[in-house]
PDB file of N, CA and C in Angstrom:
ATOM      1  N   MET A   1     -50.679 -29.243 -12.599  1.00  0.00           N
ATOM      2  CA  MET A   1     -52.065 -29.235 -12.072  1.00  0.00           C
ATOM      3  C   MET A   1     -51.815 -28.428 -10.763  1.00  0.00           C
ATOM      4  N   VAL A   2     -50.897 -28.827  -9.732  1.00  0.00           N
ATOM      5  CA  VAL A   2     -50.385 -28.369  -8.412  1.00  0.00           C
ATOM      6  C   VAL A   2     -50.024 -27.048  -8.643  1.00  0.00           C
ATOM      7  N   ALA A   3     -49.228 -26.634  -9.537  1.00  0.00           N
ATOM      8  CA  ALA A   3     -48.623 -25.563  -9.768  1.00  0.00           C
ATOM      9  C   ALA A   3     -49.441 -24.553 -10.311  1.00  0.00           C
ATOM     10  N   ILE A   4     -50.378 -24.701 -11.136  1.00  0.00           N
ATOM     11  CA  ILE A   4     -51.524 -23.730 -11.474  1.00  0.00           C
ATOM     12  C   ILE A   4     -52.456 -23.546 -10.530  1.00  0.00           C
ATOM     13  N   THR A   5     -52.624 -24.245  -9.303  1.00  0.00           N
ATOM     14  CA  THR A   5     -53.344 -23.973  -8.300  1.00  0.00           C
ATOM     15  C   THR A   5     -52.723 -23.141  -7.463  1.00  0.00           C
ATOM     16  N   VAL A   6     -51.284 -23.496  -7.206  1.00  0.00           N
ATOM     17  CA  VAL A   6     -50.662 -22.535  -6.323  1.00  0.00           C
ATOM     18  C   VAL A   6     -50.701 -21.121  -6.859  1.00  0.00           C
ATOM     19  N   ILE A   7     -50.484 -20.994  -8.149  1.00  0.00           N
ATOM     20  CA  ILE A   7     -50.295 -19.438  -8.638  1.00  0.00           C
ATOM     21  C   ILE A   7     -51.579 -18.670  -8.704  1.00  0.00           C
ATOM     22  N   LEU A   8     -52.681 -19.467  -9.096  1.00  0.00           N
ATOM     23  CA  LEU A   8     -54.118 -19.117  -8.944  1.00  0.00           C
ATOM     24  C   LEU A   8     -54.515 -18.545  -7.607  1.00  0.00           C
ATOM     25  N   ALA A   9     -54.047 -19.453  -6.633  1.00  0.00           N
ATOM     26  CA  ALA A   9     -54.434 -19.016  -5.152  1.00  0.00           C
ATOM     27  C   ALA A   9     -53.298 -17.787  -4.667  1.00  0.00           C
ATOM     28  N   ALA A  10     -52.221 -17.628  -5.341  1.00  0.00           N
ATOM     29  CA  ALA A  10     -51.302 -16.334  -4.816  1.00  0.00           C
ATOM     30  C   ALA A  10     -51.862 -15.087  -5.563  1.00  0.00           C
ATOM     31  N   VAL A  11     -52.739 -15.189  -6.474  1.00  0.00           N
ATOM     32  CA  VAL A  11     -53.231 -14.288  -7.432  1.00  0.00           C
ATOM     33  C   VAL A  11     -54.457 -13.791  -6.740  1.00  0.00           C
ATOM     34  N   ILE A  12     -55.280 -14.583  -6.243  1.00  0.00           N
ATOM     35  CA  ILE A  12     -56.390 -14.552  -5.606  1.00  0.00           C
ATOM     36  C   ILE A  12     -56.329 -13.825  -4.286  1.00  0.00           C
ATOM     37  N   ALA A  13     -55.094 -14.320  -3.770  1.00  0.00           N
ATOM     38  CA  ALA A  13     -54.920 -13.868  -2.308  1.00  0.00           C
ATOM     39  C   ALA A  13     -54.384 -12.411  -2.526  1.00  0.00           C
ATOM     40  N   ALA A  14     -53.621 -12.071  -3.467  1.00  0.00           N
ATOM     41  CA  ALA A  14     -53.206 -10.470  -3.652  1.00  0.00           C
ATOM     42  C   ALA A  14     -54.171  -9.561  -3.917  1.00  0.00           C
ATOM     43  N   PHE A  15     -55.327 -10.155  -4.413  1.00  0.00           N
ATOM     44  CA  PHE A  15     -56.604  -9.146  -4.486  1.00  0.00           C
ATOM     45  C   PHE A  15     -57.471  -9.051  -3.184  1.00  0.00           C
ATOM     46  N   VAL A  16     -57.742 -10.259  -2.542  1.00  0.00           N
ATOM     47  CA  VAL A  16     -58.297 -10.253  -1.250  1.00  0.00           C
ATOM     48  C   VAL A  16     -57.622  -9.537  -0.310  1.00  0.00           C
ATOM     49  N   PHE A  17     -56.482  -9.515  -0.179  1.00  0.00           N
ATOM     50  CA  PHE A  17     -55.722  -8.815   0.820  1.00  0.00           C
ATOM     51  C   PHE A  17     -55.313  -7.602   0.702  1.00  0.00           C
ATOM     52  N   GLY A  18     -55.584  -7.036  -0.546  1.00  0.00           N
ATOM     53  CA  GLY A  18     -55.317  -5.741  -0.876  1.00  0.00           C
ATOM     54  C   GLY A  18     -54.030  -5.301  -1.414  1.00  0.00           C
ATOM     55  N   MET A  19     -53.314  -6.262  -1.589  1.00  0.00           N
ATOM     56  CA  MET A  19     -51.658  -6.033  -2.312  1.00  0.00           C
ATOM     57  C   MET A  19     -51.668  -5.284  -3.651  1.00  0.00           C
ATOM     58  N   ALA A  20     -52.740  -5.577  -4.502  1.00  0.00           N
ATOM     59  CA  ALA A  20     -52.883  -5.206  -5.815  1.00  0.00           C
ATOM     60  C   ALA A  20     -53.387  -3.573  -5.830  1.00  0.00           C
ATOM     61  N   SER A  21     -53.912  -3.029  -4.799  1.00  0.00           N
ATOM     62  CA  SER A  21     -54.608  -1.780  -4.657  1.00  0.00           C
ATOM     63  C   SER A  21     -53.669  -0.659  -4.668  1.00  0.00           C
ATOM     64  N   GLY A  22     -52.342  -0.747  -4.193  1.00  0.00           N
ATOM     65  CA  GLY A  22     -51.190   0.295  -4.078  1.00  0.00           C
ATOM     66  C   GLY A  22     -50.701   0.701  -5.485  1.00  0.00           C
ATOM     67  N   VAL A  23     -51.119  -0.071  -6.647  1.00  0.00           N
ATOM     68  CA  VAL A  23     -50.415   0.263  -7.961  1.00  0.00           C
ATOM     69  C   VAL A  23     -51.382   1.649  -8.398  1.00  0.00           C
ATOM     70  N   SER A  24     -50.586   2.527  -8.672  1.00  0.00           N
ATOM     71  CA  SER A  24     -51.356   3.780  -9.471  1.00  0.00           C
ATOM     72  C   SER A  24     -51.602   3.443 -11.161  1.00  0.00           C
ATOM     73  N   LYS A  25     -52.512   3.996 -11.492  1.00  0.00           N
ATOM     74  CA  LYS A  25     -53.045   4.071 -13.140  1.00  0.00           C
ATOM     75  C   LYS A  25     -51.900   5.123 -13.627  1.00  0.00           C
ATOM     76  N   THR A  26     -51.284   4.909 -14.573  1.00  0.00           N
ATOM     77  CA  THR A  26     -50.503   5.765 -15.593  1.00  0.00           C
ATOM     78  C   THR A  26     -51.511   6.686 -16.521  1.00  0.00           C
ATOM     79  N   LYS A  27     -51.175   7.923 -16.094  1.00  0.00           N
ATOM     80  CA  LYS A  27     -52.143   8.868 -16.768  1.00  0.00           C
ATOM     81  C   LYS A  27     -51.517   9.132 -18.267  1.00  0.00           C
ATOM     82  N   THR A  28     -52.311   9.838 -18.973  1.00  0.00           N
ATOM     83  CA  THR A  28     -51.902   9.891 -20.385  1.00  0.00           C
ATOM     84  C   THR A  28     -51.841  11.427 -20.654  1.00  0.00           C
ATOM     85  N   VAL A  29     -50.858  12.144 -20.562  1.00  0.00           N
ATOM     86  CA  VAL A  29     -50.690  13.357 -21.111  1.00  0.00           C
ATOM     87  C   VAL A  29     -49.183  13.437 -21.775  1.00  0.00           C
ATOM     88  N   ALA A  30     -48.690  14.400 -22.269  1.00  0.00           N
ATOM     89  CA  ALA A  30     -47.549  14.390 -23.051  1.00  0.00           C
ATOM     90  C   ALA A  30     -47.090  15.784 -23.267  1.00  0.00           C
ATOM     91  N   ALA A  31     -45.792  16.139 -23.422  1.00  0.00           N
ATOM     92  CA  ALA A  31     -45.289  17.493 -23.717  1.00  0.00           C
ATOM     93  C   ALA A  31     -44.104  17.041 -24.882  1.00  0.00           C
ATOM     94  N   THR A  32     -43.726  18.047 -25.599  1.00  0.00           N
ATOM     95  CA  THR A  32     -42.694  17.958 -26.593  1.00  0.00           C
ATOM     96  C   THR A  32     -41.613  19.033 -26.150  1.00  0.00           C
ATOM     97  N   ALA A  33     -40.347  18.697 -26.776  1.00  0.00           N
ATOM     98  CA  ALA A  33     -39.194  19.544 -26.866  1.00  0.00           C
ATOM     99  C   ALA A  33     -38.670  19.539 -28.039  1.00  0.00           C
ATOM    100  N   ARG A  34     -38.107  20.632 -28.671  1.00  0.00           N
ATOM    101  CA  ARG A  34     -37.316  20.968 -29.524  1.00  0.00           C
ATOM    102  C   ARG A  34     -36.179  21.970 -29.483  1.00  0.00           C
ATOM    103  N   GLN A  35     -35.249  21.952 -30.199  1.00  0.00           N
ATOM    104  CA  GLN A  35     -34.178  23.114 -30.181  1.00  0.00           C
ATOM    105  C   GLN A  35     -34.254  23.595 -31.467  1.00  0.00           C
ATOM    106  N   VAL A  36     -34.284  25.075 -31.235  1.00  0.00           N
ATOM    107  CA  VAL A  36     -34.172  25.936 -32.350  1.00  0.00           C
ATOM    108  C   VAL A  36     -32.882  26.906 -32.098  1.00  0.00           C
ATOM    109  N   SER A  37     -31.918  26.682 -32.753  1.00  0.00           N
ATOM    110  CA  SER A  37     -30.714  27.485 -32.765  1.00  0.00           C
ATOM    111  C   SER A  37     -30.237  27.223 -31.158  1.00  0.00           C
ATOM    112  N   ASN A  38     -30.327  28.004 -30.443  1.00  0.00           N
ATOM    113  CA  ASN A  38     -29.745  27.840 -29.107  1.00  0.00           C
ATOM    114  C   ASN A  38     -31.052  28.002 -28.132  1.00  0.00           C
ATOM    115  N   ASP A  39     -32.034  28.265 -28.497  1.00  0.00           N
ATOM    116  CA  ASP A  39     -33.110  28.014 -27.786  1.00  0.00           C
ATOM    117  C   ASP A  39     -33.902  26.612 -27.548  1.00  0.00           C
ATOM    118  N   ILE A  40     -34.284  26.200 -26.296  1.00  0.00           N
ATOM    119  CA  ILE A  40     -35.107  25.057 -26.315  1.00  0.00           C
ATOM    120  C   ILE A  40     -36.411  25.385 -26.020  1.00  0.00           C
ATOM    121  N   ILE A  41     -37.345  24.745 -26.683  1.00  0.00           N
ATOM    122  CA  ILE A  41     -38.900  25.049 -26.698  1.00  0.00           C
ATOM    123  C   ILE A  41     -39.616  23.900 -26.351  1.00  0.00           C
ATOM    124  N   VAL A  42     -40.334  23.848 -24.939  1.00  0.00           N
ATOM    125  CA  VAL A  42     -41.005  22.847 -24.749  1.00  0.00           C
ATOM    126  C   VAL A  42     -42.582  23.325 -24.616  1.00  0.00           C
ATOM    127  N   THR A  43     -43.291  22.190 -25.171  1.00  0.00           N
ATOM    128  CA  THR A  43     -44.843  22.481 -25.574  1.00  0.00           C
ATOM    129  C   THR A  43     -45.679  21.492 -25.001  1.00  0.00           C
ATOM    130  N   TRP A  44     -46.558  21.997 -24.202  1.00  0.00           N
ATOM    131  CA  TRP A  44     -47.647  21.095 -23.572  1.00  0.00           C
ATOM    132  C   TRP A  44     -48.592  20.562 -24.396  1.00  0.00           C
ATOM    133  N   GLN A  45     -48.710  19.168 -24.688  1.00  0.00           N
ATOM    134  CA  GLN A  45     -49.757  18.541 -25.972  1.00  0.00           C
ATOM    135  C   GLN A  45     -50.880  18.063 -25.150  1.00  0.00           C
ATOM    136  N   GLY A  46     -50.863  18.007 -23.754  1.00  0.00           N
ATOM    137  CA  GLY A  46     -52.411  17.283 -23.055  1.00  0.00           C
ATOM    138  C   GLY A  46     -52.340  15.998 -23.352  1.00  0.00           C
ATOM    139  N   GLY A  47     -53.656  15.664 -23.225  1.00  0.00           N
ATOM    140  CA  GLY A  47     -53.980  13.925 -23.419  1.00  0.00           C
ATOM    141  C   GLY A  47     -55.179  13.975 -22.786  1.00  0.00           C
ATOM    142  N   THR A  48     -55.621  12.623 -22.786  1.00  0.00           N
ATOM    143  CA  THR A  48     -56.781  12.160 -22.178  1.00  0.00           C
ATOM    144  C   THR A  48     -57.173  12.645 -20.733  1.00  0.00           C
ATOM    145  N   ASP A  49     -56.113  12.708 -20.039  1.00  0.00           N
ATOM    146  CA  ASP A  49     -55.963  13.030 -18.696  1.00  0.00           C
ATOM    147  C   ASP A  49     -55.481  14.334 -18.439  1.00  0.00           C
ATOM    148  N   ASN A  50     -55.525  15.247 -19.290  1.00  0.00           N
ATOM    149  CA  ASN A  50     -55.469  16.664 -19.085  1.00  0.00           C
ATOM    150  C   ASN A  50     -55.860  17.326 -17.806  1.00  0.00           C
ATOM    151  N   ALA A  51     -57.321  17.249 -17.824  1.00  0.00           N
ATOM    152  CA  ALA A  51     -58.319  17.629 -16.783  1.00  0.00           C
ATOM    153  C   ALA A  51     -57.965  17.363 -15.115  1.00  0.00           C
ATOM    154  N   MET A  52     -56.807  16.288 -15.170  1.00  0.00           N
ATOM    155  CA  MET A  52     -56.542  16.097 -14.041  1.00  0.00           C
ATOM    156  C   MET A  52     -54.963  16.600 -13.568  1.00  0.00           C
ATOM    157  N   VAL A  53     -54.572  17.303 -14.619  1.00  0.00           N
ATOM    158  CA  VAL A  53     -53.239  17.771 -14.202  1.00  0.00           C
ATOM    159  C   VAL A  53     -53.389  19.176 -13.490  1.00  0.00           C
ATOM    160  N   LYS A  54     -52.627  19.010 -12.151  1.00  0.00           N
ATOM    161  CA  LYS A  54     -52.812  20.498 -11.547  1.00  0.00           C
ATOM    162  C   LYS A  54     -51.522  21.344 -11.941  1.00  0.00           C
ATOM    163  N   SER A  55     -50.475  20.968 -12.216  1.00  0.00           N
ATOM    164  CA  SER A  55     -49.463  21.968 -12.884  1.00  0.00           C
ATOM    165  C   SER A  55     -48.268  20.747 -13.253  1.00  0.00           C
ATOM    166  N   TYR A  56     -47.365  21.501 -14.125  1.00  0.00           N
ATOM    167  CA  TYR A  56     -46.469  20.611 -14.478  1.00  0.00           C
ATOM    168  C   TYR A  56     -44.983  21.360 -14.288  1.00  0.00           C
ATOM    169  N   ASN A  57     -43.874  20.895 -14.373  1.00  0.00           N
ATOM    170  CA  ASN A  57     -42.705  21.273 -14.203  1.00  0.00           C
ATOM    171  C   ASN A  57     -41.705  20.917 -15.167  1.00  0.00           C
ATOM    172  N   ILE A  58     -40.894  21.982 -15.712  1.00  0.00           N
ATOM    173  CA  ILE A  58     -39.779  21.640 -16.743  1.00  0.00           C
ATOM    174  C   ILE A  58     -38.357  21.834 -16.154  1.00  0.00           C
ATOM    175  N   SER A  59     -37.549  20.857 -16.365  1.00  0.00           N
ATOM    176  CA  SER A  59     -36.058  21.084 -16.141  1.00  0.00           C
ATOM    177  C   SER A  59     -35.254  20.800 -17.307  1.00  0.00           C
ATOM    178  N   VAL A  60     -34.317  21.670 -17.668  1.00  0.00           N
ATOM    179  CA  VAL A  60     -33.391  21.697 -18.800  1.00  0.00           C
ATOM    180  C   VAL A  60     -31.957  21.748 -18.234  1.00  0.00           C
ATOM    181  N   ILE A  61     -31.357  20.315 -18.912  1.00  0.00           N
ATOM    182  CA  ILE A  61     -30.133  20.115 -18.364  1.00  0.00           C
ATOM    183  C   ILE A  61     -29.397  20.463 -19.428  1.00  0.00           C
ATOM    184  N   ASN A  62     -28.277  21.466 -19.736  1.00  0.00           N
ATOM    185  CA  ASN A  62     -27.529  21.220 -20.915  1.00  0.00           C
ATOM    186  C   ASN A  62     -26.230  20.584 -20.865  1.00  0.00           C
ATOM    187  N   SER A  63     -25.631  20.247 -21.952  1.00  0.00           N
ATOM    188  CA  SER A  63     -24.468  19.440 -21.862  1.00  0.00           C
ATOM    189  C   SER A  63     -23.360  20.214 -20.950  1.00  0.00           C
ATOM    190  N   ALA A  64     -23.330  21.264 -20.621  1.00  0.00           N
ATOM    191  CA  ALA A  64     -22.473  22.105 -19.731  1.00  0.00           C
ATOM    192  C   ALA A  64     -22.698  21.936 -18.213  1.00  0.00           C
ATOM    193  N   GLY A  65     -23.780  21.152 -18.022  1.00  0.00           N
ATOM    194  CA  GLY A  65     -23.908  21.009 -16.804  1.00  0.00           C
ATOM    195  C   GLY A  65     -24.929  22.098 -16.015  1.00  0.00           C
ATOM    196  N   THR A  66     -25.429  22.936 -16.819  1.00  0.00           N
ATOM    197  CA  THR A  66     -26.280  24.022 -16.269  1.00  0.00           C
ATOM    198  C   THR A  66     -27.600  23.492 -16.118  1.00  0.00           C
ATOM    199  N   THR A  67     -28.630  23.700 -14.976  1.00  0.00           N
ATOM    200  CA  THR A  67     -29.846  23.591 -14.945  1.00  0.00           C
ATOM    201  C   THR A  67     -30.772  24.624 -14.663  1.00  0.00           C
ATOM    202  N   ASP A  68     -31.832  24.583 -15.621  1.00  0.00           N
ATOM    203  CA  ASP A  68     -32.951  25.722 -15.576  1.00  0.00           C
ATOM    204  C   ASP A  68     -34.152  25.161 -15.329  1.00  0.00           C
ATOM    205  N   ARG A  69     -35.040  25.587 -14.511  1.00  0.00           N
ATOM    206  CA  ARG A  69     -36.368  25.249 -13.992  1.00  0.00           C
ATOM    207  C   ARG A  69     -37.316  26.030 -14.206  1.00  0.00           C
ATOM    208  N   LEU A  70     -38.680  25.744 -14.684  1.00  0.00           N
ATOM    209  CA  LEU A  70     -39.642  26.251 -14.651  1.00  0.00           C
ATOM    210  C   LEU A  70     -40.757  25.311 -13.873  1.00  0.00           C
ATOM    211  N   ASP A  71     -41.326  25.961 -12.830  1.00  0.00           N
ATOM    212  CA  ASP A  71     -42.197  25.005 -11.893  1.00  0.00           C
ATOM    213  C   ASP A  71     -43.822  25.659 -11.864  1.00  0.00           C
ATOM    214  N   ASN A  72     -44.591  24.923 -11.612  1.00  0.00           N
ATOM    215  CA  ASN A  72     -46.122  25.279 -11.403  1.00  0.00           C
ATOM    216  C   ASN A  72     -46.771  25.812 -12.582  1.00  0.00           C
ATOM    217  N   LEU A  73     -46.410  25.247 -13.761  1.00  0.00           N
ATOM    218  CA  LEU A  73     -46.864  25.762 -14.994  1.00  0.00           C
ATOM    219  C   LEU A  73     -48.350  25.164 -15.159  1.00  0.00           C
ATOM    220  N   GLY A  74     -49.364  25.990 -15.712  1.00  0.00           N
ATOM    221  CA  GLY A  74     -50.821  25.406 -15.896  1.00  0.00           C
ATOM    222  C   GLY A  74     -50.800  24.641 -17.215  1.00  0.00           C
ATOM    223  N   PRO A  75     -51.462  23.796 -17.214  1.00  0.00           N
ATOM    224  CA  PRO A  75     -51.430  22.433 -18.369  1.00  0.00           C
ATOM    225  C   PRO A  75     -52.272  23.025 -19.427  1.00  0.00           C
ATOM    226  N   GLY A  76     -52.242  24.190 -20.138  1.00  0.00           N
ATOM    227  CA  GLY A  76     -53.086  24.427 -21.047  1.00  0.00           C
ATOM    228  C   GLY A  76     -52.463  23.836 -22.517  1.00  0.00           C
ATOM    229  N   VAL A  77     -53.319  23.259 -23.051  1.00  0.00           N
ATOM    230  CA  VAL A  77     -52.736  22.479 -24.254  1.00  0.00           C
ATOM    231  C   VAL A  77     -52.250  23.545 -25.263  1.00  0.00           C
ATOM    232  N   GLY A  78     -50.931  23.452 -25.990  1.00  0.00           N
ATOM    233  CA  GLY A  78     -50.326  24.296 -26.809  1.00  0.00           C
ATOM    234  C   GLY A  78     -49.464  25.349 -26.255  1.00  0.00           C
ATOM    235  N   ASN A  79     -49.518  25.322 -24.777  1.00  0.00           N
ATOM    236  CA  ASN A  79     -48.526  26.597 -24.208  1.00  0.00           C
ATOM    237  C   ASN A  79     -47.093  26.044 -24.300  1.00  0.00           C
ATOM    238  N   SER A  80     -46.452  27.129 -24.818  1.00  0.00           N
ATOM    239  CA  SER A  80     -44.921  26.894 -24.847  1.00  0.00           C
ATOM    240  C   SER A  80     -44.096  27.396 -23.797  1.00  0.00           C
ATOM    241  N   SER A  81     -42.914  26.884 -23.403  1.00  0.00           N
ATOM    242  CA  SER A  81     -42.004  27.625 -22.785  1.00  0.00           C
ATOM    243  C   SER A  81     -40.820  27.520 -23.282  1.00  0.00           C
ATOM    244  N   THR A  82     -40.171  28.978 -23.355  1.00  0.00           N
ATOM    245  CA  THR A  82     -39.021  28.967 -24.359  1.00  0.00           C
ATOM    246  C   THR A  82     -37.652  29.215 -23.469  1.00  0.00           C
ATOM    247  N   PHE A  83     -36.562  28.168 -23.355  1.00  0.00           N
ATOM    248  CA  PHE A  83     -35.547  28.457 -22.678  1.00  0.00           C
ATOM    249  C   PHE A  83     -34.431  29.157 -23.551  1.00  0.00           C
ATOM    250  N   ALA A  84     -34.433  30.497 -23.516  1.00  0.00           N
ATOM    251  CA  ALA A  84     -33.837  31.301 -24.606  1.00  0.00           C
ATOM    252  C   ALA A  84     -32.321  31.236 -24.307  1.00  0.00           C
ATOM    253  N   GLY A  85     -31.431  30.837 -25.355  1.00  0.00           N
ATOM    254  CA  GLY A  85     -30.182  30.730 -25.202  1.00  0.00           C
ATOM    255  C   GLY A  85     -29.480  29.858 -24.219  1.00  0.00           C
ATOM    256  N   LYS A  86     -30.373  28.820 -23.893  1.00  0.00           N
ATOM    257  CA  LYS A  86     -29.875  27.501 -22.769  1.00  0.00           C
ATOM    258  C   LYS A  86     -29.603  26.326 -23.795  1.00  0.00           C
ATOM    259  N   GLY A  87     -29.967  26.167 -24.897  1.00  0.00           N
ATOM    260  CA  GLY A  87     -29.182  24.952 -25.646  1.00  0.00           C
ATOM    261  C   GLY A  87     -28.252  25.059 -26.206  1.00  0.00           C
ATOM    262  N   THR A  88     -27.285  24.077 -26.243  1.00  0.00           N
ATOM    263  CA  THR A  88     -25.943  24.044 -26.654  1.00  0.00           C
ATOM    264  C   THR A  88     -26.040  22.905 -27.894  1.00  0.00           C
ATOM    265  N   THR A  89     -24.688  22.981 -28.700  1.00  0.00           N
ATOM    266  CA  THR A  89     -24.471  22.207 -29.931  1.00  0.00           C
ATOM    267  C   THR A  89     -24.614  20.582 -29.698  1.00  0.00           C
ATOM    268  N   ALA A  90     -24.248  20.149 -28.274  1.00  0.00           N
ATOM    269  CA  ALA A  90     -24.324  19.124 -27.899  1.00  0.00           C
ATOM    270  C   ALA A  90     -25.904  18.663 -27.457  1.00  0.00           C
ATOM    271  N   GLN A  91     -26.180  17.424 -27.113  1.00  0.00           N
ATOM    272  CA  GLN A  91     -27.316  16.921 -26.551  1.00  0.00           C
ATOM    273  C   GLN A  91     -27.671  17.435 -25.276  1.00  0.00           C
ATOM    274  N   ASP A  92     -28.936  18.234 -25.114  1.00  0.00           N
ATOM    275  CA  ASP A  92     -29.218  18.730 -23.971  1.00  0.00           C
ATOM    276  C   ASP A  92     -30.549  17.965 -23.188  1.00  0.00           C
ATOM    277  N   HIS A  93     -30.711  17.657 -21.847  1.00  0.00           N
ATOM    278  CA  HIS A  93     -31.663  16.906 -21.390  1.00  0.00           C
ATOM    279  C   HIS A  93     -32.601  17.773 -21.004  1.00  0.00           C
ATOM    280  N   VAL A  94     -34.001  17.257 -21.462  1.00  0.00           N
ATOM    281  CA  VAL A  94     -35.050  17.929 -20.981  1.00  0.00           C
ATOM    282  C   VAL A  94     -36.053  16.897 -20.289  1.00  0.00           C
ATOM    283  N   VAL A  95     -36.650  17.417 -19.009  1.00  0.00           N
ATOM    284  CA  VAL A  95     -37.548  16.395 -18.339  1.00  0.00           C
ATOM    285  C   VAL A  95     -38.669  17.214 -17.881  1.00  0.00           C
ATOM    286  N   VAL A  96     -39.869  16.677 -18.126  1.00  0.00           N
ATOM    287  CA  VAL A  96     -41.288  17.287 -17.639  1.00  0.00           C
ATOM    288  C   VAL A  96     -41.882  16.450 -17.086  1.00  0.00           C
ATOM    289  N   SER A  97     -42.299  16.962 -15.807  1.00  0.00           N
ATOM    290  CA  SER A  97     -43.016  16.041 -14.872  1.00  0.00           C
ATOM    291  C   SER A  97     -44.202  16.928 -14.485  1.00  0.00           C
ATOM    292  N   ALA A  98     -45.566  15.979 -14.286  1.00  0.00           N
ATOM    293  CA  ALA A  98     -46.570  16.688 -14.031  1.00  0.00           C
ATOM    294  C   ALA A  98     -47.124  16.281 -12.641  1.00  0.00           C
ATOM    295  N   ALA A  99     -47.781  16.917 -11.961  1.00  0.00           N
ATOM    296  CA  ALA A  99     -48.585  16.804 -10.884  1.00  0.00           C
ATOM    297  C   ALA A  99     -50.113  16.724 -10.993  1.00  0.00           C
ATOM    298  N   PHE A 100     -50.538  15.600 -10.526  1.00  0.00           N
ATOM    299  CA  PHE A 100     -52.082  15.455 -10.609  1.00  0.00           C
ATOM    300  C   PHE A 100     -52.951  15.725  -9.349  1.00  0.00           C
ATOM    301  N   THR A 101     -54.317  15.872  -9.786  1.00  0.00           N
ATOM    302  CA  THR A 101     -55.192  16.123  -8.732  1.00  0.00           C
ATOM    303  C   THR A 101     -55.273  15.140  -7.595  1.00  0.00           C
ATOM    304  N   ASP A 102     -55.097  13.893  -8.077  1.00  0.00           N
ATOM    305  CA  ASP A 102     -54.993  12.801  -7.109  1.00  0.00           C
ATOM    306  C   ASP A 102     -53.916  12.502  -6.222  1.00  0.00           C
ATOM    307  N   GLY A 103     -52.792  13.691  -6.292  1.00  0.00           N
ATOM    308  CA  GLY A 103     -51.801  13.656  -5.510  1.00  0.00           C
ATOM    309  C   GLY A 103     -50.507  12.863  -6.211  1.00  0.00           C
ATOM    310  N   SER A 104     -50.800  12.174  -7.250  1.00  0.00           N
ATOM    311  CA  SER A 104     -49.799  11.503  -7.837  1.00  0.00           C
ATOM    312  C   SER A 104     -48.769  12.701  -8.851  1.00  0.00           C
ATOM    313  N   GLN A 105     -47.424  12.174  -9.136  1.00  0.00           N
ATOM    314  CA  GLN A 105     -46.697  12.764  -9.904  1.00  0.00           C
ATOM    315  C   GLN A 105     -46.050  11.763 -11.112  1.00  0.00           C
ATOM    316  N   GLN A 106     -46.026  12.294 -12.178  1.00  0.00           N
ATOM    317  CA  GLN A 106     -45.244  11.389 -13.284  1.00  0.00           C
ATOM    318  C   GLN A 106     -44.443  11.969 -14.142  1.00  0.00           C
ATOM    319  N   VAL A 107     -43.655  11.574 -14.648  1.00  0.00           N
ATOM    320  CA  VAL A 107     -42.636  12.154 -15.836  1.00  0.00           C
ATOM    321  C   VAL A 107     -43.400  11.882 -16.997  1.00  0.00           C
ATOM    322  N   VAL A 108     -43.500  12.988 -17.904  1.00  0.00           N
ATOM    323  CA  VAL A 108     -44.464  12.785 -19.092  1.00  0.00           C
ATOM    324  C   VAL A 108     -43.317  12.982 -20.140  1.00  0.00           C
ATOM    325  N   LEU A 109     -42.182  13.617 -20.166  1.00  0.00           N
ATOM    326  CA  LEU A 109     -40.991  13.751 -21.009  1.00  0.00           C
ATOM    327  C   LEU A 109     -39.547  13.573 -20.586  1.00  0.00           C
ATOM    328  N   ASP A 110     -38.972  12.727 -20.975  1.00  0.00           N
ATOM    329  CA  ASP A 110     -37.272  12.597 -20.627  1.00  0.00           C
ATOM    330  C   ASP A 110     -36.796  12.321 -22.156  1.00  0.00           C
ATOM    331  N   ALA A 111     -36.283  13.465 -22.674  1.00  0.00           N
ATOM    332  CA  ALA A 111     -35.677  13.521 -23.853  1.00  0.00           C
ATOM    333  C   ALA A 111     -34.411  14.144 -23.977  1.00  0.00           C
ATOM    334  N   TYR A 112     -33.615  14.070 -25.088  1.00  0.00           N
ATOM    335  CA  TYR A 112     -32.470  14.778 -25.273  1.00  0.00           C
ATOM    336  C   TYR A 112     -32.571  15.512 -26.722  1.00  0.00           C
ATOM    337  N   VAL A 113     -32.327  16.883 -26.685  1.00  0.00           N
ATOM    338  CA  VAL A 113     -32.420  17.605 -27.837  1.00  0.00           C
ATOM    339  C   VAL A 113     -31.519  18.358 -28.416  1.00  0.00           C
TER     340      VAL A 113
END
């Protein structure tokens, strides 16, 4: 009974003193990546929070260690970016991050193709 009271008091104190307010909400948007021959194609899929996306960035790190980036892309649903000839026969790393109108940023895709 004492333990429950202590835990409950700690949870209430966290909300009263604002400790829980620093946690940001995860936004729901997505991108996909696929490899066709030596081309890597990244497509913006959007999502319920697409209207809050200011821009997004794509990084492709191929298995040889070469990095290519596209920055400040507009979040049009269905927009694709092609990294022509940047894919290899091994696993290539694709990372897409979005910048939101509230100032937050979030990785929306971290995949190997």
